[in-house]
Amino acid sequence: MNGVDKDFVKVHAPKGDARYEEMTDWLNRIFRVKREYDVSADKLVWIQIGPGFPWKNELGHATIGIPSR
């Protein structure tokens, strides 16, 4: 539990790869997300789920998919 943040999901992945940024954007639609770039391997993704309530809203409901415009 070292380094976790209460009420957040923390995504650790290499900086500069669009795949990881896109994944983080998708997770951010559902959860409160923080991004970290502190990994040493090129293809490592580490997701930490902190204690508490990381959902975007108080009811725990989120819309998955492409947002309406």
C-alpha atoms as a PDB file:
ATOM      1  CA  MET A   1       0.000   0.000   0.000  1.00  0.00           C
ATOM      2  CA  ASN A   2       3.043   2.275  -0.184  1.00  0.00           C
ATOM      3  CA  GLY A   3       2.419   5.221  -2.464  1.00  0.00           C
ATOM      4  CA  VAL A   4      -1.327   4.739  -2.886  1.00  0.00           C
ATOM      5  CA  ASP A   5      -3.637   7.744  -2.780  1.00  0.00           C
ATOM      6  CA  LYS A   6      -6.975   7.540  -1.012  1.00  0.00           C
ATOM      7  CA  ASP A   7      -9.916   7.719  -3.422  1.00  0.00           C
ATOM      8  CA  PHE A   8      -7.727   7.435  -6.558  1.00  0.00           C
ATOM      9  CA  VAL A   9      -6.535   4.906  -9.093  1.00  0.00           C
ATOM     10  CA  LYS A  10      -2.890   5.557  -9.954  1.00  0.00           C
ATOM     11  CA  VAL A  11      -1.549   4.438 -13.340  1.00  0.00           C
ATOM     12  CA  HIS A  12       2.221   3.920 -13.562  1.00  0.00           C
ATOM     13  CA  ALA A  13       3.437   3.578 -17.166  1.00  0.00           C
ATOM     14  CA  PRO A  14       6.180   4.929 -19.442  1.00  0.00           C
ATOM     15  CA  LYS A  15       5.844   8.485 -20.674  1.00  0.00           C
ATOM     16  CA  GLY A  16       5.427   9.278 -24.341  1.00  0.00           C
ATOM     17  CA  ASP A  17       3.502   6.195 -25.500  1.00  0.00           C
ATOM     18  CA  ALA A  18       0.050   7.101 -26.803  1.00  0.00           C
ATOM     19  CA  ARG A  19      -1.359   3.672 -25.864  1.00  0.00           C
ATOM     20  CA  TYR A  20      -0.805   4.322 -22.172  1.00  0.00           C
ATOM     21  CA  GLU A  21      -2.225   7.824 -22.376  1.00  0.00           C
ATOM     22  CA  GLU A  22      -5.336   6.497 -24.161  1.00  0.00           C
ATOM     23  CA  MET A  23      -5.785   3.779 -21.529  1.00  0.00           C
ATOM     24  CA  THR A  24      -5.481   6.382 -18.779  1.00  0.00           C
ATOM     25  CA  ASP A  25      -8.066   8.586 -20.518  1.00  0.00           C
ATOM     26  CA  TRP A  26     -10.529   5.663 -20.675  1.00  0.00           C
ATOM     27  CA  LEU A  27      -9.994   4.806 -17.003  1.00  0.00           C
ATOM     28  CA  ASN A  28     -10.469   8.477 -16.137  1.00  0.00           C
ATOM     29  CA  ARG A  29     -14.023   8.319 -17.480  1.00  0.00           C
ATOM     30  CA  ILE A  30     -14.912   5.901 -14.676  1.00  0.00           C
ATOM     31  CA  PHE A  31     -12.407   6.556 -11.875  1.00  0.00           C
ATOM     32  CA  ARG A  32     -10.486   9.420 -10.376  1.00  0.00           C
ATOM     33  CA  VAL A  33      -7.074   8.789 -11.939  1.00  0.00           C
ATOM     34  CA  LYS A  34      -3.564  10.042 -11.276  1.00  0.00           C
ATOM     35  CA  ARG A  35      -0.741   9.370 -13.736  1.00  0.00           C
ATOM     36  CA  GLU A  36       2.831   8.438 -12.778  1.00  0.00           C
ATOM     37  CA  TYR A  37       5.813   7.937 -15.088  1.00  0.00           C
ATOM     38  CA  ASP A  38       8.109   6.175 -12.609  1.00  0.00           C
ATOM     39  CA  VAL A  39       8.546   2.791 -14.288  1.00  0.00           C
ATOM     40  CA  SER A  40      11.849   1.556 -15.655  1.00  0.00           C
ATOM     41  CA  ALA A  41      10.622  -1.058 -18.152  1.00  0.00           C
ATOM     42  CA  ASP A  42       9.344   0.047 -21.558  1.00  0.00           C
ATOM     43  CA  LYS A  43       6.207  -2.103 -21.553  1.00  0.00           C
ATOM     44  CA  LEU A  44       5.252  -2.121 -17.902  1.00  0.00           C
ATOM     45  CA  VAL A  45       1.870  -0.848 -16.709  1.00  0.00           C
ATOM     46  CA  TRP A  46       1.168  -0.852 -13.007  1.00  0.00           C
ATOM     47  CA  ILE A  47      -2.247   0.157 -11.678  1.00  0.00           C
ATOM     48  CA  GLN A  48      -2.630   0.968  -7.983  1.00  0.00           C
ATOM     49  CA  ILE A  49      -6.099   1.208  -6.490  1.00  0.00           C
ATOM     50  CA  GLY A  50      -6.127   3.211  -3.308  1.00  0.00           C
ATOM     51  CA  PRO A  51      -8.462   2.752  -0.373  1.00  0.00           C
ATOM     52  CA  GLY A  52     -11.715   4.653  -0.293  1.00  0.00           C
ATOM     53  CA  PHE A  53     -14.004   5.516  -3.183  1.00  0.00           C
ATOM     54  CA  PRO A  54     -12.219   6.030  -6.528  1.00  0.00           C
ATOM     55  CA  TRP A  55     -15.408   6.180  -8.642  1.00  0.00           C
ATOM     56  CA  LYS A  56     -16.133   9.388 -10.566  1.00  0.00           C
ATOM     57  CA  ASN A  57     -19.439  10.085  -8.842  1.00  0.00           C
ATOM     58  CA  GLU A  58     -20.945   9.295  -5.469  1.00  0.00           C
ATOM     59  CA  LEU A  59     -23.394   6.716  -6.843  1.00  0.00           C
ATOM     60  CA  GLY A  60     -20.661   4.663  -8.465  1.00  0.00           C
ATOM     61  CA  HIS A  61     -22.267   5.025 -11.888  1.00  0.00           C
ATOM     62  CA  ALA A  62     -20.209   5.809 -14.936  1.00  0.00           C
ATOM     63  CA  THR A  63     -20.822   5.805 -18.655  1.00  0.00           C
ATOM     64  CA  ILE A  64     -18.537   3.506 -20.593  1.00  0.00           C
ATOM     65  CA  GLY A  65     -18.015   4.186 -24.271  1.00  0.00           C
ATOM     66  CA  ILE A  66     -17.710   7.223 -26.446  1.00  0.00           C
ATOM     67  CA  PRO A  67     -19.252  10.270 -24.785  1.00  0.00           C
ATOM     68  CA  SER A  68     -22.190  11.881 -26.548  1.00  0.00           C
ATOM     69  CA  ARG A  69     -21.508  15.227 -28.175  1.00  0.00           C
END
